[in-house]
Amino acid sequence: MRPAVMNGTEDRIMNLWAHFAKKYSFLPLIGNGSTKIQPVYVNDVASAIVGALKDDETSMGKVSELGGPDIYTVHELAELVNDMIREWPRYVNVPLPIAKAIAMPRAVLLDP
């Protein structure tokens, strides 16, 4: 099973964005938030796994790409989250090269 970004009650994407927006009043968007994602509800992923375990072995050795019904840009999804929490933070564009440099493991940066 290859699930897309999962959302649910305690997810690590939308809850993090909501917390960040409430605490800091801004939300960083990598590359203007134009990356497209197709989030899937965690219960749907669990149902797919249970269904695969219960089938007549026809799913053995097969890859299932699990995504939700809608495709959003990161910016659009952030807007939905902000509407839900009634916070409207400002967005800060983080260019992709800078985001990559920030995400680079420290060991790589410190290695001679």
N, C-alpha and C. Protein backbone atom coordinates (compact mmCIF):
# COMPACT_ATOMS: atom_id res chain seq x y z
N MET A 1 0.84 -1.18 0.00
CA MET A 1 0.00 0.00 0.00
C MET A 1 0.89 1.24 0.00
N ARG A 2 0.56 2.17 -0.87
CA ARG A 2 1.28 3.43 -0.93
C ARG A 2 0.28 4.57 -0.75
N PRO A 3 0.05 4.96 0.48
CA PRO A 3 -0.91 6.05 0.69
C PRO A 3 -0.29 7.41 0.40
N ALA A 4 -1.12 8.31 -0.07
CA ALA A 4 -0.73 9.71 -0.23
C ALA A 4 -0.65 10.33 1.17
N VAL A 5 -0.48 11.61 1.24
CA VAL A 5 -0.50 12.30 2.52
C VAL A 5 -1.83 11.99 3.19
N MET A 6 -1.76 11.50 4.43
CA MET A 6 -2.99 11.13 5.13
C MET A 6 -3.46 12.26 6.04
N ASN A 7 -4.78 12.42 6.09
CA ASN A 7 -5.35 13.38 7.03
C ASN A 7 -6.34 12.65 7.92
N GLY A 8 -6.53 13.21 9.10
CA GLY A 8 -7.43 12.62 10.08
C GLY A 8 -7.36 13.44 11.36
N THR A 9 -7.92 12.90 12.42
CA THR A 9 -8.03 13.63 13.68
C THR A 9 -6.69 14.13 14.21
N GLU A 10 -5.70 13.29 14.21
CA GLU A 10 -4.38 13.67 14.74
C GLU A 10 -3.30 13.64 13.67
N ASP A 11 -3.61 14.10 12.47
CA ASP A 11 -2.63 14.03 11.38
C ASP A 11 -1.46 14.98 11.63
N ARG A 12 -0.41 14.76 10.86
CA ARG A 12 0.81 15.54 11.02
C ARG A 12 0.95 16.65 10.00
N ILE A 13 -0.07 16.86 9.21
CA ILE A 13 0.01 17.93 8.21
C ILE A 13 -0.92 19.08 8.60
N MET A 14 -2.20 18.85 8.52
CA MET A 14 -3.15 19.94 8.76
C MET A 14 -3.15 20.42 10.21
N ASN A 15 -2.99 19.52 11.15
CA ASN A 15 -2.92 19.95 12.54
C ASN A 15 -1.67 20.78 12.80
N LEU A 16 -0.56 20.40 12.16
CA LEU A 16 0.67 21.17 12.29
C LEU A 16 0.50 22.56 11.70
N TRP A 17 -0.12 22.63 10.52
CA TRP A 17 -0.36 23.93 9.90
C TRP A 17 -1.24 24.79 10.79
N ALA A 18 -2.31 24.20 11.33
CA ALA A 18 -3.23 24.96 12.18
C ALA A 18 -2.52 25.47 13.42
N HIS A 19 -1.73 24.62 14.06
CA HIS A 19 -0.99 25.03 15.25
C HIS A 19 -0.01 26.16 14.91
N PHE A 20 0.71 25.99 13.80
CA PHE A 20 1.70 26.98 13.38
C PHE A 20 1.02 28.32 13.08
N ALA A 21 -0.10 28.28 12.37
CA ALA A 21 -0.82 29.50 12.01
C ALA A 21 -1.32 30.24 13.25
N LYS A 22 -1.84 29.49 14.22
CA LYS A 22 -2.35 30.11 15.45
C LYS A 22 -1.22 30.70 16.29
N LYS A 23 -0.10 29.98 16.35
CA LYS A 23 1.00 30.40 17.22
C LYS A 23 1.82 31.55 16.62
N TYR A 24 2.08 31.50 15.32
CA TYR A 24 3.00 32.45 14.70
C TYR A 24 2.35 33.45 13.74
N SER A 25 1.11 33.25 13.39
CA SER A 25 0.37 34.14 12.48
C SER A 25 0.94 34.20 11.07
N PHE A 26 1.75 33.22 10.70
CA PHE A 26 2.18 33.10 9.32
C PHE A 26 2.37 31.63 9.01
N LEU A 27 2.40 31.32 7.72
CA LEU A 27 2.58 29.95 7.29
C LEU A 27 3.55 29.94 6.11
N PRO A 28 4.69 29.25 6.27
CA PRO A 28 5.63 29.19 5.14
C PRO A 28 5.10 28.25 4.05
N LEU A 29 5.20 28.68 2.81
CA LEU A 29 4.79 27.86 1.67
C LEU A 29 5.99 27.68 0.76
N ILE A 30 6.40 26.44 0.58
CA ILE A 30 7.54 26.15 -0.28
C ILE A 30 7.11 26.31 -1.73
N GLY A 31 7.86 27.13 -2.46
CA GLY A 31 7.57 27.34 -3.88
C GLY A 31 6.18 27.89 -4.13
N ASN A 32 5.74 28.84 -3.32
CA ASN A 32 4.41 29.46 -3.45
C ASN A 32 3.25 28.52 -3.16
N GLY A 33 3.52 27.33 -2.64
CA GLY A 33 2.44 26.39 -2.33
C GLY A 33 1.79 25.80 -3.55
N SER A 34 2.52 25.74 -4.66
CA SER A 34 1.92 25.24 -5.90
C SER A 34 2.00 23.73 -6.07
N THR A 35 2.70 23.05 -5.14
CA THR A 35 2.79 21.59 -5.21
C THR A 35 1.40 20.98 -5.05
N LYS A 36 1.09 20.01 -5.87
CA LYS A 36 -0.22 19.37 -5.80
C LYS A 36 -0.14 18.11 -4.95
N ILE A 37 -1.14 17.93 -4.10
CA ILE A 37 -1.24 16.73 -3.27
C ILE A 37 -2.67 16.22 -3.32
N GLN A 38 -2.82 14.94 -3.05
CA GLN A 38 -4.12 14.28 -3.09
C GLN A 38 -4.32 13.57 -1.75
N PRO A 39 -4.63 14.33 -0.69
CA PRO A 39 -4.71 13.74 0.64
C PRO A 39 -5.81 12.67 0.73
N VAL A 40 -5.54 11.68 1.55
CA VAL A 40 -6.48 10.58 1.74
C VAL A 40 -6.80 10.48 3.23
N TYR A 41 -8.04 10.19 3.53
CA TYR A 41 -8.49 10.06 4.92
C TYR A 41 -7.94 8.77 5.51
N VAL A 42 -7.37 8.86 6.70
CA VAL A 42 -6.70 7.72 7.32
C VAL A 42 -7.62 6.51 7.47
N ASN A 43 -8.89 6.72 7.75
CA ASN A 43 -9.82 5.59 7.88
C ASN A 43 -10.01 4.86 6.55
N ASP A 44 -9.93 5.60 5.44
CA ASP A 44 -10.03 4.96 4.12
C ASP A 44 -8.81 4.08 3.85
N VAL A 45 -7.65 4.52 4.29
CA VAL A 45 -6.44 3.71 4.14
C VAL A 45 -6.56 2.44 4.99
N ALA A 46 -7.03 2.60 6.23
CA ALA A 46 -7.21 1.43 7.10
C ALA A 46 -8.20 0.45 6.48
N SER A 47 -9.29 0.95 5.92
CA SER A 47 -10.27 0.07 5.27
C SER A 47 -9.68 -0.67 4.08
N ALA A 48 -8.82 0.01 3.31
CA ALA A 48 -8.19 -0.64 2.16
C ALA A 48 -7.25 -1.75 2.63
N ILE A 49 -6.53 -1.52 3.70
CA ILE A 49 -5.62 -2.54 4.23
C ILE A 49 -6.40 -3.75 4.73
N VAL A 50 -7.46 -3.49 5.49
CA VAL A 50 -8.29 -4.60 5.99
C VAL A 50 -8.90 -5.36 4.82
N GLY A 51 -9.39 -4.65 3.82
CA GLY A 51 -9.97 -5.29 2.64
C GLY A 51 -8.96 -6.17 1.92
N ALA A 52 -7.73 -5.69 1.81
CA ALA A 52 -6.69 -6.48 1.14
C ALA A 52 -6.35 -7.73 1.94
N LEU A 53 -6.38 -7.62 3.26
CA LEU A 53 -6.09 -8.79 4.11
C LEU A 53 -7.20 -9.84 4.04
N LYS A 54 -8.42 -9.38 3.79
CA LYS A 54 -9.57 -10.29 3.75
C LYS A 54 -9.83 -10.89 2.37
N ASP A 55 -9.18 -10.36 1.31
CA ASP A 55 -9.53 -10.83 -0.03
C ASP A 55 -8.96 -12.24 -0.29
N ASP A 56 -9.21 -12.74 -1.46
CA ASP A 56 -8.82 -14.11 -1.81
C ASP A 56 -7.40 -14.16 -2.40
N GLU A 57 -6.51 -13.38 -1.85
CA GLU A 57 -5.10 -13.30 -2.23
C GLU A 57 -4.87 -12.70 -3.61
N THR A 58 -5.87 -12.07 -4.20
CA THR A 58 -5.67 -11.44 -5.51
C THR A 58 -4.84 -10.16 -5.38
N SER A 59 -4.74 -9.62 -4.17
CA SER A 59 -3.95 -8.40 -4.00
C SER A 59 -2.50 -8.70 -3.63
N MET A 60 -2.17 -9.96 -3.42
CA MET A 60 -0.80 -10.34 -3.06
C MET A 60 0.19 -9.89 -4.14
N GLY A 61 1.25 -9.20 -3.72
CA GLY A 61 2.28 -8.77 -4.65
C GLY A 61 1.92 -7.58 -5.50
N LYS A 62 0.76 -7.00 -5.28
CA LYS A 62 0.33 -5.85 -6.07
C LYS A 62 0.49 -4.57 -5.25
N VAL A 63 0.74 -3.48 -5.94
CA VAL A 63 0.89 -2.18 -5.31
C VAL A 63 -0.42 -1.41 -5.47
N SER A 64 -0.89 -0.85 -4.38
CA SER A 64 -2.10 -0.02 -4.43
C SER A 64 -1.73 1.41 -4.06
N GLU A 65 -1.98 2.33 -4.98
CA GLU A 65 -1.76 3.75 -4.73
C GLU A 65 -3.05 4.29 -4.12
N LEU A 66 -2.98 4.79 -2.91
CA LEU A 66 -4.17 5.25 -2.20
C LEU A 66 -4.16 6.77 -2.08
N GLY A 67 -5.14 7.40 -2.69
CA GLY A 67 -5.28 8.85 -2.63
C GLY A 67 -6.74 9.20 -2.48
N GLY A 68 -6.98 10.39 -2.02
CA GLY A 68 -8.35 10.85 -1.86
C GLY A 68 -8.97 11.25 -3.19
N PRO A 69 -10.23 11.66 -3.15
CA PRO A 69 -10.94 11.98 -4.39
C PRO A 69 -10.56 13.33 -5.00
N ASP A 70 -9.96 14.22 -4.22
CA ASP A 70 -9.67 15.57 -4.70
C ASP A 70 -8.18 15.86 -4.68
N ILE A 71 -7.74 16.66 -5.65
CA ILE A 71 -6.35 17.11 -5.73
C ILE A 71 -6.34 18.60 -5.41
N TYR A 72 -5.44 18.98 -4.51
CA TYR A 72 -5.31 20.37 -4.08
C TYR A 72 -3.86 20.83 -4.25
N THR A 73 -3.68 22.13 -4.38
CA THR A 73 -2.33 22.66 -4.20
C THR A 73 -2.16 22.81 -2.68
N VAL A 74 -0.91 22.88 -2.25
CA VAL A 74 -0.65 23.07 -0.82
C VAL A 74 -1.30 24.37 -0.35
N HIS A 75 -1.26 25.39 -1.19
CA HIS A 75 -1.87 26.68 -0.83
C HIS A 75 -3.38 26.53 -0.64
N GLU A 76 -4.05 25.81 -1.54
CA GLU A 76 -5.50 25.61 -1.42
C GLU A 76 -5.84 24.84 -0.14
N LEU A 77 -5.06 23.83 0.17
CA LEU A 77 -5.30 23.05 1.38
C LEU A 77 -5.07 23.89 2.63
N ALA A 78 -4.04 24.72 2.59
CA ALA A 78 -3.78 25.62 3.72
C ALA A 78 -4.96 26.58 3.90
N GLU A 79 -5.53 27.07 2.81
CA GLU A 79 -6.70 27.95 2.89
C GLU A 79 -7.88 27.24 3.55
N LEU A 80 -8.10 25.97 3.20
CA LEU A 80 -9.19 25.20 3.82
C LEU A 80 -8.97 25.06 5.32
N VAL A 81 -7.74 24.75 5.71
CA VAL A 81 -7.43 24.61 7.13
C VAL A 81 -7.66 25.93 7.84
N ASN A 82 -7.18 27.02 7.26
CA ASN A 82 -7.34 28.33 7.90
C ASN A 82 -8.79 28.74 8.02
N ASP A 83 -9.60 28.40 7.04
CA ASP A 83 -11.04 28.69 7.14
C ASP A 83 -11.67 27.90 8.28
N MET A 84 -11.22 26.65 8.45
CA MET A 84 -11.77 25.81 9.53
C MET A 84 -11.42 26.35 10.91
N ILE A 85 -10.20 26.83 11.06
CA ILE A 85 -9.77 27.30 12.39
C ILE A 85 -10.01 28.79 12.57
N ARG A 86 -10.53 29.43 11.54
CA ARG A 86 -10.84 30.86 11.57
C ARG A 86 -9.61 31.72 11.90
N GLU A 87 -8.52 31.34 11.26
CA GLU A 87 -7.27 32.11 11.35
C GLU A 87 -6.85 32.40 9.92
N TRP A 88 -6.36 33.58 9.67
CA TRP A 88 -5.93 33.94 8.33
C TRP A 88 -4.51 34.49 8.39
N PRO A 89 -3.56 33.56 8.52
CA PRO A 89 -2.17 34.01 8.61
C PRO A 89 -1.66 34.52 7.27
N ARG A 90 -0.59 35.27 7.33
CA ARG A 90 0.03 35.66 6.06
C ARG A 90 0.90 34.50 5.60
N TYR A 91 1.08 34.40 4.31
CA TYR A 91 1.88 33.33 3.73
C TYR A 91 3.25 33.88 3.40
N VAL A 92 4.27 33.09 3.68
CA VAL A 92 5.64 33.47 3.38
C VAL A 92 6.19 32.46 2.38
N ASN A 93 6.56 32.95 1.21
CA ASN A 93 7.10 32.08 0.18
C ASN A 93 8.54 31.70 0.54
N VAL A 94 8.81 30.41 0.51
CA VAL A 94 10.16 29.90 0.73
C VAL A 94 10.59 29.24 -0.58
N PRO A 95 11.55 29.86 -1.29
CA PRO A 95 12.00 29.27 -2.56
C PRO A 95 12.54 27.85 -2.34
N LEU A 96 12.33 26.99 -3.31
CA LEU A 96 12.70 25.58 -3.20
C LEU A 96 14.18 25.37 -2.84
N PRO A 97 15.14 26.08 -3.43
CA PRO A 97 16.53 25.86 -3.05
C PRO A 97 16.81 26.16 -1.57
N ILE A 98 16.14 27.17 -1.05
CA ILE A 98 16.32 27.50 0.37
C ILE A 98 15.69 26.41 1.24
N ALA A 99 14.50 25.94 0.86
CA ALA A 99 13.84 24.87 1.62
C ALA A 99 14.71 23.61 1.62
N LYS A 100 15.32 23.29 0.48
CA LYS A 100 16.20 22.12 0.41
C LYS A 100 17.41 22.29 1.32
N ALA A 101 17.97 23.48 1.35
CA ALA A 101 19.13 23.73 2.20
C ALA A 101 18.77 23.61 3.68
N ILE A 102 17.58 24.07 4.05
CA ILE A 102 17.13 23.98 5.44
C ILE A 102 16.88 22.52 5.82
N ALA A 103 16.34 21.75 4.88
CA ALA A 103 15.99 20.36 5.16
C ALA A 103 17.19 19.42 5.14
N MET A 104 18.32 19.87 4.60
CA MET A 104 19.50 19.01 4.50
C MET A 104 19.94 18.59 5.90
N PRO A 105 20.21 17.31 6.08
CA PRO A 105 20.64 16.83 7.41
C PRO A 105 21.92 17.55 7.86
N ARG A 106 21.99 17.82 9.15
CA ARG A 106 23.16 18.53 9.69
C ARG A 106 24.44 17.76 9.46
N ALA A 107 24.39 16.44 9.50
CA ALA A 107 25.59 15.62 9.31
C ALA A 107 26.21 15.90 7.94
N VAL A 108 25.37 16.10 6.93
CA VAL A 108 25.88 16.38 5.59
C VAL A 108 26.53 17.74 5.57
N LEU A 109 25.95 18.71 6.25
CA LEU A 109 26.51 20.04 6.28
C LEU A 109 27.84 20.09 7.03
N LEU A 110 27.99 19.27 8.06
CA LEU A 110 29.17 19.28 8.89
C LEU A 110 30.26 18.34 8.39
N ASP A 111 29.94 17.46 7.48
CA ASP A 111 30.89 16.49 6.98
C ASP A 111 31.89 17.18 6.05
N PRO A 112 33.21 17.01 6.29
CA PRO A 112 34.20 17.70 5.44
C PRO A 112 34.29 17.14 4.05
